[in-house]
Amino acid sequence: MGRGYIVDDTVEVYLSKLCEQQSVNVTGLVIGQNSSQRDFVVMACRTPSRNDPLVGGEKSLDKEWISEHARQVSRMLPGGLSVLGVFVITDADAKETLASLRQLVFTVQDLISSERLWNADDNEVTDCVTLHISPKSRKISCRTFDIKDPKSLAKPADWKYQSGLCSSWSTMSCCVNVELFVPLPDNRACSKSMDKCLKEGLKMWSYQIENAVCLIDGAQLPDDAELTAGQKKNVRQILTAQLLVTPEQQHNLRDGVQKCGGGLSVRGVIHSRAYIHNNKPKAKLAEKLLKRDVISTMVTRVQMLLDDLLAAEYAEYASKGDSRDKQGTEHFCLPHRVFCPAKVNGTLCVCDYRFNDEDPSEVIDRLKEMLDIDTDYQNLDTKQEIAAEVIESREREDSAAEIVEVQEPKKTNYIGVAMATVVALLATAASMLYLNDN
């Protein structure tokens, strides 16, 4: 027998409802948390319907569409939650769909991992699950594949339901001050160059986060210390963490001079959160999951804004209410994070990102479309991050982060990355971004 999957009983109810819908080839994602001994499944969500379905799509899996859904869902999962695999509900025989499921789970994980900037551990769990469900008999065929092995063969896995699986999981959160500078290429029109520079700059910042000192409830715990030690069994813990980046790390990563056509700076405070299973979790695991969430949420916000800028004319985007100063600096706000319970009265939350000009109903619609969650405005937690605002200041010492348009340089520009900058940060979890023309 291969890996074991402990599954929240609400997933059983959800999959049963999908079986009753008489749809052909219902596909979706399995979401939860890995551990060295077993995996925990806390929710599942079906793939949204496509407006322009593929020809013959009733008999085959739309790998591109399902993978893109998985990429967007992955962005909406806080620390500790990830896409563990895929499922399909079909009348076709399990053996007939196994090859397609194998290709699908590899494609899904390849796309998701392409956006990750944190480094995987040597002992990382690399098995991903595939489920074949018969809509009539409700029989489940559970198989896993090692996505790090291109020649991986299917292994049988155990799938067991359990009531109240995550009711006593620990929650750890922190607020992180962000002050990130990234030099940008001379040719802003080249999206590939822009994207490459952003990823390189974010990788350097990610290195700082991964190597930061983590304090849990004010103390630096040994890696093998149990988070639940001395606590009553099945009692949920709420922990607060701090990430401390040493001055040596900042100096080594920022000291340098290079040619560029402008610069990007992210300033503000972000809220990060991680959920940790209750099977004797270690401090090292909690720290890793929290740091990964810090990195992922920052990368997601920057990428979302970049996508918007590249998808629309710059002048049209600037007319949405953001401002430009006399120096040609363009100001934009990064989206702020909004949390929502994964299920009614649940302890685990998923998240979305809301731009300042978006109505809350758009967040509710995305939660329904991407995660199949029915909710309303009262269930949205919008208090963890307050939307940033562009504050006009001649001295530009506002804590709101800004995005500055990068013009074609009139002369060769060199930026000393080690330049000192004075920034006043808001005492709220808000984030913004700016590109600075030099």
Protein backbone atom coordinates (compact mmCIF):
# COMPACT_ATOMS: atom_id res chain seq x y z
CA MET A 1 0.00 0.00 0.00
CA GLY A 2 1.24 3.49 -0.89
CA ARG A 3 0.43 6.79 0.78
CA GLY A 4 -2.57 7.32 3.04
CA TYR A 5 -5.05 10.18 2.64
CA ILE A 6 -7.13 11.33 5.59
CA VAL A 7 -10.07 13.22 4.11
CA ASP A 8 -12.52 15.60 5.76
CA ASP A 9 -16.05 14.18 5.54
CA THR A 10 -17.31 17.38 3.91
CA VAL A 11 -15.31 16.33 0.84
CA GLU A 12 -17.34 13.12 0.67
CA VAL A 13 -20.57 15.15 0.70
CA TYR A 14 -19.24 17.49 -1.98
CA LEU A 15 -18.13 14.71 -4.32
CA SER A 16 -21.45 12.90 -3.84
CA LYS A 17 -23.35 16.01 -4.96
CA LEU A 18 -21.20 16.23 -8.07
CA CYS A 19 -21.99 12.59 -8.84
CA GLU A 20 -25.71 13.43 -8.84
CA GLN A 21 -25.42 16.16 -11.48
CA GLN A 22 -25.39 13.80 -14.48
CA SER A 23 -22.57 15.75 -16.10
CA VAL A 24 -20.00 14.08 -18.31
CA ASN A 25 -16.39 14.03 -17.13
CA VAL A 26 -16.61 16.31 -14.10
CA THR A 27 -13.06 17.23 -13.15
CA GLY A 28 -11.59 19.13 -10.23
CA LEU A 29 -8.83 19.61 -7.71
CA VAL A 30 -7.97 18.00 -4.39
CA ILE A 31 -6.69 20.47 -1.78
CA GLY A 32 -4.94 19.81 1.52
CA GLN A 33 -1.60 19.43 3.25
CA ASN A 34 1.26 16.97 2.89
CA SER A 35 3.14 15.38 5.75
CA SER A 36 5.87 12.77 5.85
CA GLN A 37 3.53 10.06 7.16
CA ARG A 38 0.21 10.85 5.49
CA ASP A 39 -1.63 13.55 3.59
CA PHE A 40 -4.67 15.51 4.74
CA VAL A 41 -7.42 16.49 2.30
CA VAL A 42 -9.59 19.38 3.50
CA MET A 43 -11.55 20.37 0.39
CA ALA A 44 -12.19 19.70 -3.28
CA CYS A 45 -13.40 22.01 -6.04
CA ARG A 46 -14.63 21.29 -9.53
CA THR A 47 -13.22 22.84 -12.69
CA PRO A 48 -15.31 25.80 -13.95
CA SER A 49 -17.18 25.30 -17.20
CA ARG A 50 -15.46 26.60 -20.29
CA ASN A 51 -17.28 29.08 -22.52
CA ASP A 52 -15.72 27.57 -25.63
CA PRO A 53 -15.52 23.82 -24.94
CA LEU A 54 -13.08 21.78 -26.99
CA VAL A 55 -14.34 19.61 -29.81
CA GLY A 56 -14.64 16.10 -28.42
CA GLY A 57 -14.16 17.47 -24.89
CA GLU A 58 -16.82 15.14 -23.52
CA LYS A 59 -14.48 12.21 -24.04
CA SER A 60 -11.15 13.81 -23.15
CA LEU A 61 -9.72 15.94 -20.34
CA ASP A 62 -8.97 19.57 -21.15
CA LYS A 63 -5.50 19.64 -19.60
CA GLU A 64 -4.78 23.28 -20.43
CA TRP A 65 -8.04 24.55 -18.90
CA ILE A 66 -7.78 22.38 -15.79
CA SER A 67 -4.14 23.37 -15.27
CA GLU A 68 -4.94 27.08 -15.51
CA HIS A 69 -7.71 26.58 -12.96
CA ALA A 70 -5.19 24.87 -10.66
CA ARG A 71 -2.74 27.76 -11.05
CA GLN A 72 -5.34 30.33 -10.03
CA VAL A 73 -6.60 28.19 -7.14
CA SER A 74 -3.02 27.76 -5.90
CA ARG A 75 -2.76 31.55 -5.62
CA MET A 76 -5.85 31.58 -3.41
CA LEU A 77 -4.49 29.10 -0.85
CA PRO A 78 -2.71 30.38 2.29
CA GLY A 79 0.32 28.70 3.80
CA GLY A 80 -0.13 25.01 4.59
CA LEU A 81 -2.71 24.39 1.87
CA SER A 82 -1.85 23.29 -1.66
CA VAL A 83 -3.21 21.42 -4.65
CA LEU A 84 -2.50 17.76 -3.88
CA GLY A 85 -3.94 16.29 -7.06
CA VAL A 86 -6.94 15.95 -9.36
CA PHE A 87 -10.18 14.01 -9.61
CA VAL A 88 -12.51 12.97 -12.41
CA ILE A 89 -16.11 11.72 -12.16
CA THR A 90 -16.86 9.62 -15.22
CA ASP A 91 -18.60 6.48 -16.42
CA ALA A 92 -15.42 5.42 -18.19
CA ASP A 93 -13.44 2.58 -16.65
CA ALA A 94 -10.73 3.55 -14.17
CA LYS A 95 -8.04 1.80 -16.21
CA GLU A 96 -9.04 3.71 -19.33
CA THR A 97 -8.65 7.11 -17.66
CA LEU A 98 -5.45 6.35 -15.73
CA ALA A 99 -3.09 7.50 -18.50
CA SER A 100 -5.02 10.77 -18.95
CA LEU A 101 -5.05 11.41 -15.21
CA ARG A 102 -1.31 10.78 -15.08
CA GLN A 103 -0.64 13.35 -17.81
CA LEU A 104 -3.04 15.79 -16.17
CA VAL A 105 -1.49 15.68 -12.70
CA PHE A 106 2.00 16.21 -14.17
CA THR A 107 0.79 19.18 -16.24
CA VAL A 108 -1.00 20.71 -13.26
CA GLN A 109 1.99 20.47 -10.94
CA ASP A 110 4.42 21.75 -13.58
CA LEU A 111 2.37 24.92 -14.06
CA ILE A 112 1.89 25.52 -10.34
CA SER A 113 5.58 24.98 -9.53
CA SER A 114 6.61 27.43 -12.29
CA GLU A 115 5.32 30.30 -10.11
CA ARG A 116 7.06 29.19 -6.92
CA LEU A 117 10.18 31.06 -5.85
CA TRP A 118 10.87 29.22 -2.61
CA ASN A 119 13.31 26.31 -2.58
CA ALA A 120 11.95 22.81 -2.04
CA ASP A 121 13.42 20.63 0.71
CA ASP A 122 15.30 17.44 -0.05
CA ASN A 123 12.68 15.47 1.88
CA GLU A 124 9.74 17.19 0.16
CA VAL A 125 6.70 15.00 -0.53
CA THR A 126 6.44 14.69 -4.32
CA ASP A 127 3.58 12.21 -4.62
CA CYS A 128 0.36 13.63 -6.08
CA VAL A 129 -3.02 11.95 -6.01
CA THR A 130 -5.48 11.12 -8.80
CA LEU A 131 -9.06 10.03 -8.13
CA HIS A 132 -11.37 8.20 -10.47
CA ILE A 133 -14.98 8.26 -9.21
CA SER A 134 -17.85 6.30 -10.70
CA PRO A 135 -21.01 8.47 -10.56
CA LYS A 136 -23.28 5.41 -10.22
CA SER A 137 -21.49 3.18 -7.73
CA ARG A 138 -19.54 6.06 -6.07
CA LYS A 139 -16.52 3.74 -6.09
CA ILE A 140 -13.21 5.59 -5.79
CA SER A 141 -9.98 4.47 -7.43
CA CYS A 142 -7.13 6.32 -5.70
CA ARG A 143 -3.65 6.35 -7.26
CA THR A 144 -0.53 8.46 -6.74
CA PHE A 145 2.34 9.49 -9.02
CA ASP A 146 5.76 10.85 -8.11
CA ILE A 147 5.87 14.07 -10.15
CA LYS A 148 9.65 14.30 -9.78
CA ASP A 149 10.02 11.05 -11.69
CA PRO A 150 8.94 11.33 -15.37
CA LYS A 151 8.76 7.53 -15.52
CA SER A 152 6.68 7.22 -12.37
CA LEU A 153 4.11 4.45 -12.34
CA ALA A 154 0.76 4.50 -10.54
CA LYS A 155 0.78 3.43 -6.92
CA PRO A 156 -2.38 2.50 -4.97
CA ALA A 157 -3.26 4.79 -2.07
CA ASP A 158 -5.62 4.64 0.88
CA TRP A 159 -8.53 7.14 0.96
CA LYS A 160 -10.34 7.43 4.32
CA TYR A 161 -12.92 9.96 5.48
CA GLN A 162 -12.83 11.54 8.93
CA SER A 163 -15.13 13.96 10.70
CA GLY A 164 -13.81 17.36 11.84
CA LEU A 165 -10.38 16.75 10.33
CA CYS A 166 -9.02 20.29 10.57
CA SER A 167 -11.04 21.68 13.49
CA SER A 168 -8.00 21.64 15.77
CA TRP A 169 -5.29 22.67 13.32
CA SER A 170 -2.95 25.41 14.52
CA THR A 171 -3.04 28.83 12.88
CA MET A 172 0.10 30.95 12.71
CA SER A 173 0.14 34.48 11.32
CA CYS A 174 2.44 37.46 11.04
CA CYS A 175 2.74 40.88 9.45
CA VAL A 176 5.82 41.52 7.35
CA ASN A 177 7.28 44.90 6.45
CA VAL A 178 8.20 44.89 2.77
CA GLU A 179 10.80 47.17 1.25
CA LEU A 180 11.92 45.62 -2.00
CA PHE A 181 13.80 47.20 -4.89
CA VAL A 182 14.19 45.59 -8.32
CA PRO A 183 16.11 47.20 -11.25
CA LEU A 184 14.22 46.92 -14.53
CA PRO A 185 15.36 46.53 -18.16
CA ASP A 186 15.87 49.40 -20.60
CA ASN A 187 13.11 48.10 -22.86
CA ARG A 188 9.91 48.16 -20.81
CA ALA A 189 7.91 47.10 -23.87
CA CYS A 190 9.47 43.66 -23.73
CA SER A 191 7.23 41.71 -21.36
CA LYS A 192 9.66 38.79 -21.17
CA SER A 193 12.49 41.06 -20.02
CA MET A 194 10.22 42.72 -17.47
CA ASP A 195 8.98 39.39 -16.13
CA LYS A 196 12.53 38.00 -15.92
CA CYS A 197 13.78 41.03 -13.98
CA LEU A 198 10.86 40.85 -11.59
CA LYS A 199 11.44 37.17 -10.90
CA GLU A 200 15.16 37.70 -10.31
CA GLY A 201 14.50 40.57 -7.91
CA LEU A 202 11.82 38.63 -6.09
CA LYS A 203 14.15 35.63 -5.82
CA MET A 204 16.68 37.77 -3.98
CA TRP A 205 13.97 39.00 -1.61
CA SER A 206 12.70 35.44 -1.19
CA TYR A 207 16.18 34.39 -0.12
CA GLN A 208 16.00 36.97 2.67
CA ILE A 209 12.66 35.62 3.85
CA GLU A 210 13.77 31.98 3.73
CA ASN A 211 16.83 32.79 5.84
CA ALA A 212 15.08 35.14 8.27
CA VAL A 213 14.95 34.31 11.97
CA CYS A 214 11.45 33.19 12.95
CA LEU A 215 10.07 33.92 16.41
CA ILE A 216 6.94 32.03 17.41
CA ASP A 217 5.04 33.78 20.20
CA GLY A 218 8.20 35.78 20.87
CA ALA A 219 10.60 32.83 21.12
CA GLN A 220 12.94 31.07 18.71
CA LEU A 221 12.00 27.40 19.04
CA PRO A 222 14.23 24.43 18.18
CA ASP A 223 13.38 22.86 14.81
CA ASP A 224 12.16 19.64 16.44
CA ALA A 225 10.05 21.36 19.11
CA GLU A 226 6.38 20.32 19.00
CA LEU A 227 3.95 23.20 18.58
CA THR A 228 1.28 21.37 20.53
CA ALA A 229 3.54 20.29 23.41
CA GLY A 230 1.84 20.89 26.75
CA GLN A 231 -1.47 21.72 25.08
CA LYS A 232 -4.76 19.90 25.50
CA LYS A 233 -5.51 17.40 22.77
CA ASN A 234 -7.74 18.59 19.91
CA VAL A 235 -7.55 22.23 21.02
CA ARG A 236 -6.87 24.74 18.27
CA GLN A 237 -3.83 26.97 18.76
CA ILE A 238 -3.51 30.51 17.42
CA LEU A 239 0.13 31.55 17.17
CA THR A 240 1.81 34.82 16.28
CA ALA A 241 5.15 34.93 14.51
CA GLN A 242 7.81 37.48 13.62
CA LEU A 243 10.32 37.24 10.78
CA LEU A 244 13.61 39.03 11.39
CA VAL A 245 15.91 39.69 8.44
CA THR A 246 19.50 40.34 9.50
CA PRO A 247 21.29 43.50 8.25
CA GLU A 248 24.04 41.30 6.76
CA GLN A 249 21.53 39.62 4.42
CA GLN A 250 20.14 42.95 3.27
CA HIS A 251 23.59 44.37 2.61
CA ASN A 252 24.88 41.39 0.63
CA LEU A 253 21.80 41.22 -1.59
CA ARG A 254 21.44 44.94 -2.32
CA ASP A 255 25.05 45.98 -2.71
CA GLY A 256 25.77 46.37 -6.41
CA VAL A 257 25.62 48.65 -9.43
CA GLN A 258 23.98 47.69 -12.66
CA LYS A 259 22.59 49.13 -15.88
CA CYS A 260 18.83 49.46 -16.07
CA GLY A 261 16.00 51.53 -17.44
CA GLY A 262 14.27 52.14 -14.14
CA GLY A 263 13.42 50.51 -10.87
CA LEU A 264 10.57 48.83 -9.08
CA SER A 265 10.01 49.23 -5.38
CA VAL A 266 7.47 47.48 -3.20
CA ARG A 267 6.75 49.09 0.15
CA GLY A 268 4.18 48.39 2.80
CA VAL A 269 3.05 45.67 5.19
CA ILE A 270 1.46 42.34 4.26
CA HIS A 271 -0.46 39.82 6.33
CA SER A 272 0.67 36.21 6.10
CA ARG A 273 -1.00 33.08 7.47
CA ALA A 274 -0.31 29.35 7.66
CA TYR A 275 -2.32 26.35 8.87
CA ILE A 276 -0.53 23.38 10.44
CA HIS A 277 -1.96 19.88 10.91
CA ASN A 278 -2.36 18.56 14.48
CA ASN A 279 -0.38 15.32 14.07
CA LYS A 280 2.50 16.38 16.36
CA PRO A 281 3.61 19.30 14.16
CA LYS A 282 7.15 20.61 14.54
CA ALA A 283 8.27 24.24 14.77
CA LYS A 284 10.38 23.76 11.63
CA LEU A 285 7.29 22.84 9.62
CA ALA A 286 5.28 25.81 10.87
CA GLU A 287 8.15 28.18 10.05
CA LYS A 288 8.53 26.73 6.54
CA LEU A 289 4.83 26.99 5.73
CA LEU A 290 4.61 30.58 6.97
CA LYS A 291 7.67 31.72 5.03
CA ARG A 292 6.37 30.10 1.88
CA ASP A 293 3.10 31.97 2.28
CA VAL A 294 4.95 35.28 2.69
CA ILE A 295 6.83 34.66 -0.54
CA SER A 296 3.84 33.34 -2.47
CA THR A 297 1.49 36.18 -1.53
CA MET A 298 4.07 38.78 -2.54
CA VAL A 299 4.78 37.11 -5.88
CA THR A 300 1.05 36.75 -6.58
CA ARG A 301 0.33 40.44 -6.02
CA VAL A 302 3.18 41.66 -8.20
CA GLN A 303 2.29 39.22 -10.96
CA MET A 304 -1.39 40.21 -10.85
CA LEU A 305 -0.55 43.88 -11.31
CA LEU A 306 1.99 43.13 -14.03
CA ASP A 307 -0.62 41.05 -15.87
CA ASP A 308 -3.04 43.96 -15.74
CA LEU A 309 -0.44 46.40 -17.02
CA LEU A 310 0.52 44.17 -19.92
CA ALA A 311 -3.09 43.33 -20.78
CA ALA A 312 -4.25 46.95 -21.11
CA GLU A 313 -2.95 50.15 -22.61
CA TYR A 314 -0.87 51.99 -20.05
CA ALA A 315 -2.77 55.23 -20.51
CA GLU A 316 -6.11 53.49 -19.99
CA TYR A 317 -4.82 51.83 -16.81
CA ALA A 318 -3.55 55.13 -15.48
CA SER A 319 -6.97 56.72 -15.97
CA LYS A 320 -8.49 54.47 -13.29
CA GLY A 321 -7.72 56.97 -10.57
CA ASP A 322 -4.06 56.40 -9.88
CA SER A 323 -1.74 59.38 -10.11
CA ARG A 324 1.51 60.61 -11.60
CA ASP A 325 3.78 63.20 -10.01
CA LYS A 326 5.90 65.85 -11.70
CA GLN A 327 8.86 63.50 -11.97
CA GLY A 328 6.87 61.15 -14.21
CA THR A 329 6.28 58.68 -11.40
CA GLU A 330 3.21 56.50 -11.83
CA HIS A 331 1.46 55.28 -8.70
CA PHE A 332 -0.53 52.05 -8.40
CA CYS A 333 -1.73 50.02 -5.46
CA LEU A 334 -1.15 46.31 -5.19
CA PRO A 335 -4.27 44.26 -4.40
CA HIS A 336 -4.90 43.60 -0.73
CA ARG A 337 -5.64 40.20 0.73
CA VAL A 338 -9.16 39.12 1.68
CA PHE A 339 -9.85 35.90 3.61
CA CYS A 340 -12.93 33.70 3.57
CA PRO A 341 -13.81 30.50 5.48
CA ALA A 342 -13.43 27.44 3.27
CA LYS A 343 -16.72 26.14 4.68
CA VAL A 344 -19.46 27.44 6.96
CA ASN A 345 -18.21 27.79 10.54
CA GLY A 346 -14.88 26.35 9.42
CA THR A 347 -11.50 27.19 10.95
CA LEU A 348 -9.55 27.11 7.69
CA CYS A 349 -9.70 30.03 5.30
CA VAL A 350 -8.88 30.59 1.66
CA CYS A 351 -8.05 34.02 0.26
CA ASP A 352 -8.45 36.29 -2.72
CA TYR A 353 -6.86 39.57 -3.80
CA ARG A 354 -8.93 42.68 -4.31
CA PHE A 355 -7.85 45.80 -6.18
CA ASN A 356 -9.03 49.14 -4.81
CA ASP A 357 -11.46 49.71 -7.67
CA GLU A 358 -13.11 46.29 -7.32
CA ASP A 359 -16.47 45.70 -5.70
CA PRO A 360 -16.64 43.01 -2.97
CA SER A 361 -19.12 41.14 -5.16
CA GLU A 362 -16.28 40.41 -7.58
CA VAL A 363 -14.39 38.62 -4.80
CA ILE A 364 -17.52 36.60 -3.98
CA ASP A 365 -17.92 35.68 -7.66
CA ARG A 366 -14.29 34.52 -7.92
CA LEU A 367 -14.60 32.39 -4.80
CA LYS A 368 -17.62 30.70 -6.36
CA GLU A 369 -16.05 30.23 -9.77
CA MET A 370 -12.60 29.08 -8.66
CA LEU A 371 -13.30 27.21 -5.40
CA ASP A 372 -17.06 26.56 -5.65
CA ILE A 373 -17.59 28.36 -2.33
CA ASP A 374 -20.94 30.05 -1.67
CA THR A 375 -20.47 33.01 0.63
CA ASP A 376 -21.55 36.61 1.17
CA TYR A 377 -19.92 39.87 2.19
CA GLN A 378 -20.42 39.25 5.92
CA ASN A 379 -18.15 36.20 5.75
CA LEU A 380 -15.26 38.06 4.10
CA ASP A 381 -12.41 39.02 6.41
CA THR A 382 -11.22 42.36 5.06
CA LYS A 383 -9.64 43.63 8.28
CA GLN A 384 -6.26 41.88 8.05
CA GLU A 385 -5.07 44.27 5.34
CA ILE A 386 -6.30 47.79 4.81
CA ALA A 387 -6.25 48.94 1.21
CA ALA A 388 -3.26 51.18 0.53
CA GLU A 389 -3.79 54.70 -0.75
CA VAL A 390 -1.57 56.95 -2.82
CA ILE A 391 -0.63 59.89 -0.59
CA GLU A 392 0.64 62.95 -2.41
CA SER A 393 3.86 64.18 -0.86
CA ARG A 394 6.59 66.37 -2.28
CA GLU A 395 9.11 64.53 -0.18
CA ARG A 396 7.59 61.18 -1.25
CA GLU A 397 7.91 59.81 2.26
CA ASP A 398 4.53 58.16 2.26
CA SER A 399 4.24 54.56 3.29
CA ALA A 400 2.01 53.77 0.40
CA ALA A 401 3.98 51.86 -2.15
CA GLU A 402 3.84 53.21 -5.68
CA ILE A 403 4.36 52.03 -9.17
CA VAL A 404 6.31 54.34 -11.42
CA GLU A 405 6.15 54.19 -15.18
CA VAL A 406 9.51 53.34 -16.76
CA GLN A 407 10.24 55.51 -19.81
CA GLU A 408 12.86 54.77 -22.43
CA PRO A 409 16.12 56.13 -20.93
CA LYS A 410 17.54 59.21 -22.64
CA LYS A 411 21.00 58.27 -21.48
CA THR A 412 22.75 55.34 -19.89
CA ASN A 413 21.34 54.88 -16.39
CA TYR A 414 23.16 53.20 -13.53
CA ILE A 415 21.52 52.53 -10.21
CA GLY A 416 23.45 51.94 -7.05
CA VAL A 417 21.27 49.34 -5.38
CA ALA A 418 22.97 50.01 -2.08
CA MET A 419 21.57 53.57 -1.90
CA ALA A 420 19.95 54.38 1.41
CA THR A 421 16.23 55.15 1.29
CA VAL A 422 14.05 56.65 3.99
CA VAL A 423 10.54 55.22 3.99
CA ALA A 424 7.72 55.74 6.49
CA LEU A 425 5.58 52.61 6.67
CA LEU A 426 1.93 52.50 7.65
CA ALA A 427 1.18 50.55 10.81
CA THR A 428 -1.39 48.54 8.90
CA ALA A 429 -1.13 45.50 6.70
CA ALA A 430 -1.27 47.29 3.35
CA SER A 431 0.96 46.93 0.32
CA MET A 432 1.66 48.91 -2.84
CA LEU A 433 4.16 48.93 -5.66
CA TYR A 434 6.01 51.45 -7.82
CA LEU A 435 8.36 51.55 -10.76
CA ASN A 436 10.81 54.44 -10.65
CA ASP A 437 12.14 56.16 -13.75
CA ASN A 438 15.67 57.51 -13.40
